[in-house]
Amino acid sequence: MAYQSFEDLQVWQRSCDLTVEICQELEDCRNYTSRDQMQRAALSVPSNIAEGSERDSKGDFIRFLRIAKGSAGELRTQAYIAKRLNLISSGKADSYVKETKEIGAMLQGLIRSMQSST
């Protein structure tokens, strides 16, 4: 796994893009609880990738990647619920679900890669 910084990681870039999209989509949402929870989960993904990358150990990085993967799953659940509550369109929800699944798979691949390079 050759990279200089977390900014080089495609999974970090994509999770940042998703976070911005979700924050913009929910900007006017009056269901503050759902909005805030979705935004926090979305922010957690790239933030944990970055924090883990900046730690001094591979084990810490893997632990933070797992936290980021969990947050992607949390966000996926919230997208399903927001769709059912008509807070976001079906198309947006489906897009968020697809992207969080792909980000989760990318994180799992990165975790495996790091574990095998031990």
Protein backbone atom coordinates (compact mmCIF):
# COMPACT_ATOMS: atom_id res chain seq x y z
CA MET A 1 0.00 0.00 0.00
CA ALA A 2 1.96 2.97 -1.24
CA TYR A 3 0.57 6.35 -0.27
CA GLN A 4 2.03 9.51 1.20
CA SER A 5 -0.98 10.77 3.13
CA PHE A 6 -4.63 9.97 3.74
CA GLU A 7 -5.50 12.61 1.12
CA ASP A 8 -4.08 10.20 -1.47
CA LEU A 9 -6.55 7.46 -0.53
CA GLN A 10 -9.48 7.18 -2.94
CA VAL A 11 -11.73 5.94 -0.13
CA TRP A 12 -11.03 9.12 1.85
CA GLN A 13 -11.71 11.30 -1.23
CA ARG A 14 -14.99 9.53 -2.00
CA SER A 15 -16.16 9.65 1.59
CA CYS A 16 -15.42 13.41 1.69
CA ASP A 17 -17.45 13.87 -1.50
CA LEU A 18 -20.34 11.90 -0.01
CA THR A 19 -20.19 13.93 3.20
CA VAL A 20 -20.40 17.22 1.30
CA GLU A 21 -23.30 15.92 -0.78
CA ILE A 22 -25.23 14.76 2.29
CA CYS A 23 -24.62 18.00 4.19
CA GLN A 24 -25.86 20.01 1.22
CA GLU A 25 -28.86 17.73 0.66
CA LEU A 26 -29.98 18.01 4.29
CA GLU A 27 -29.20 21.69 4.73
CA ASP A 28 -32.89 22.68 4.89
CA CYS A 29 -34.18 19.52 6.60
CA ARG A 30 -36.34 20.41 9.59
CA ASN A 31 -36.02 16.97 11.16
CA TYR A 32 -32.98 18.10 13.10
CA THR A 33 -32.38 14.79 14.83
CA SER A 34 -32.19 12.82 11.60
CA ARG A 35 -30.26 15.55 9.80
CA ASP A 36 -27.65 15.86 12.54
CA GLN A 37 -27.24 12.11 12.94
CA MET A 38 -26.77 11.58 9.21
CA GLN A 39 -24.29 14.43 8.98
CA ARG A 40 -22.33 13.13 11.97
CA ALA A 41 -22.17 9.61 10.57
CA ALA A 42 -21.09 10.94 7.19
CA LEU A 43 -18.39 13.14 8.77
CA SER A 44 -17.17 10.22 10.83
CA VAL A 45 -16.10 8.16 7.81
CA PRO A 46 -13.37 10.41 6.32
CA SER A 47 -12.47 11.76 9.76
CA ASN A 48 -11.68 8.30 11.11
CA ILE A 49 -9.70 7.40 7.99
CA ALA A 50 -7.63 10.55 8.49
CA GLU A 51 -7.19 10.10 12.23
CA GLY A 52 -6.13 6.47 11.89
CA SER A 53 -3.70 7.32 9.13
CA GLU A 54 -2.03 9.91 11.32
CA ARG A 55 -1.51 7.46 14.19
CA ASP A 56 1.88 5.90 14.67
CA SER A 57 0.86 2.27 14.33
CA LYS A 58 -0.66 0.02 11.72
CA GLY A 59 -2.89 -1.51 14.40
CA ASP A 60 -4.35 1.89 15.25
CA PHE A 61 -4.93 2.65 11.58
CA ILE A 62 -6.78 -0.64 11.11
CA ARG A 63 -8.89 0.05 14.20
CA PHE A 64 -9.89 3.48 12.87
CA LEU A 65 -10.64 2.01 9.42
CA ARG A 66 -13.03 -0.40 11.14
CA ILE A 67 -14.70 2.51 12.92
CA ALA A 68 -15.04 4.31 9.57
CA LYS A 69 -16.58 1.16 8.06
CA GLY A 70 -19.07 1.02 10.93
CA SER A 71 -19.99 4.65 10.36
CA ALA A 72 -20.60 3.90 6.67
CA GLY A 73 -23.03 1.16 7.74
CA GLU A 74 -24.70 3.55 10.16
CA LEU A 75 -25.09 6.12 7.40
CA ARG A 76 -26.55 3.49 5.07
CA THR A 77 -29.19 2.64 7.70
CA GLN A 78 -30.01 6.31 8.15
CA ALA A 79 -30.46 6.71 4.39
CA TYR A 80 -33.02 3.89 4.40
CA ILE A 81 -34.88 5.53 7.29
CA ALA A 82 -34.70 9.04 5.79
CA LYS A 83 -36.22 7.62 2.61
CA ARG A 84 -39.10 6.07 4.57
CA LEU A 85 -39.64 9.36 6.40
CA ASN A 86 -39.62 11.23 3.06
CA LEU A 87 -36.69 13.38 4.21
CA ILE A 88 -34.78 12.53 1.05
CA SER A 89 -35.91 11.27 -2.32
CA SER A 90 -35.84 7.62 -3.19
CA GLY A 91 -33.19 8.30 -5.82
CA LYS A 92 -30.92 10.12 -3.35
CA ALA A 93 -31.35 7.38 -0.75
CA ASP A 94 -30.52 4.69 -3.29
CA SER A 95 -27.44 6.65 -4.36
CA TYR A 96 -26.27 7.00 -0.74
CA VAL A 97 -26.87 3.31 -0.07
CA LYS A 98 -24.86 2.33 -3.15
CA GLU A 99 -21.99 4.68 -2.29
CA THR A 100 -21.82 3.61 1.36
CA LYS A 101 -21.69 -0.04 0.27
CA GLU A 102 -18.82 0.74 -2.11
CA ILE A 103 -16.97 2.78 0.52
CA GLY A 104 -17.43 -0.04 3.02
CA ALA A 105 -16.00 -2.53 0.53
CA MET A 106 -13.06 -0.22 -0.15
CA LEU A 107 -12.40 0.08 3.57
CA GLN A 108 -12.56 -3.68 3.99
CA GLY A 109 -10.09 -4.11 1.14
CA LEU A 110 -7.73 -1.59 2.74
CA ILE A 111 -8.01 -3.37 6.08
CA ARG A 112 -7.20 -6.74 4.45
CA SER A 113 -4.29 -5.20 2.58
CA MET A 114 -2.85 -3.75 5.76
CA GLN A 115 -3.34 -6.99 7.69
CA SER A 116 -1.59 -9.06 5.03
CA SER A 117 1.41 -6.74 4.98
CA THR A 118 2.20 -7.51 8.60
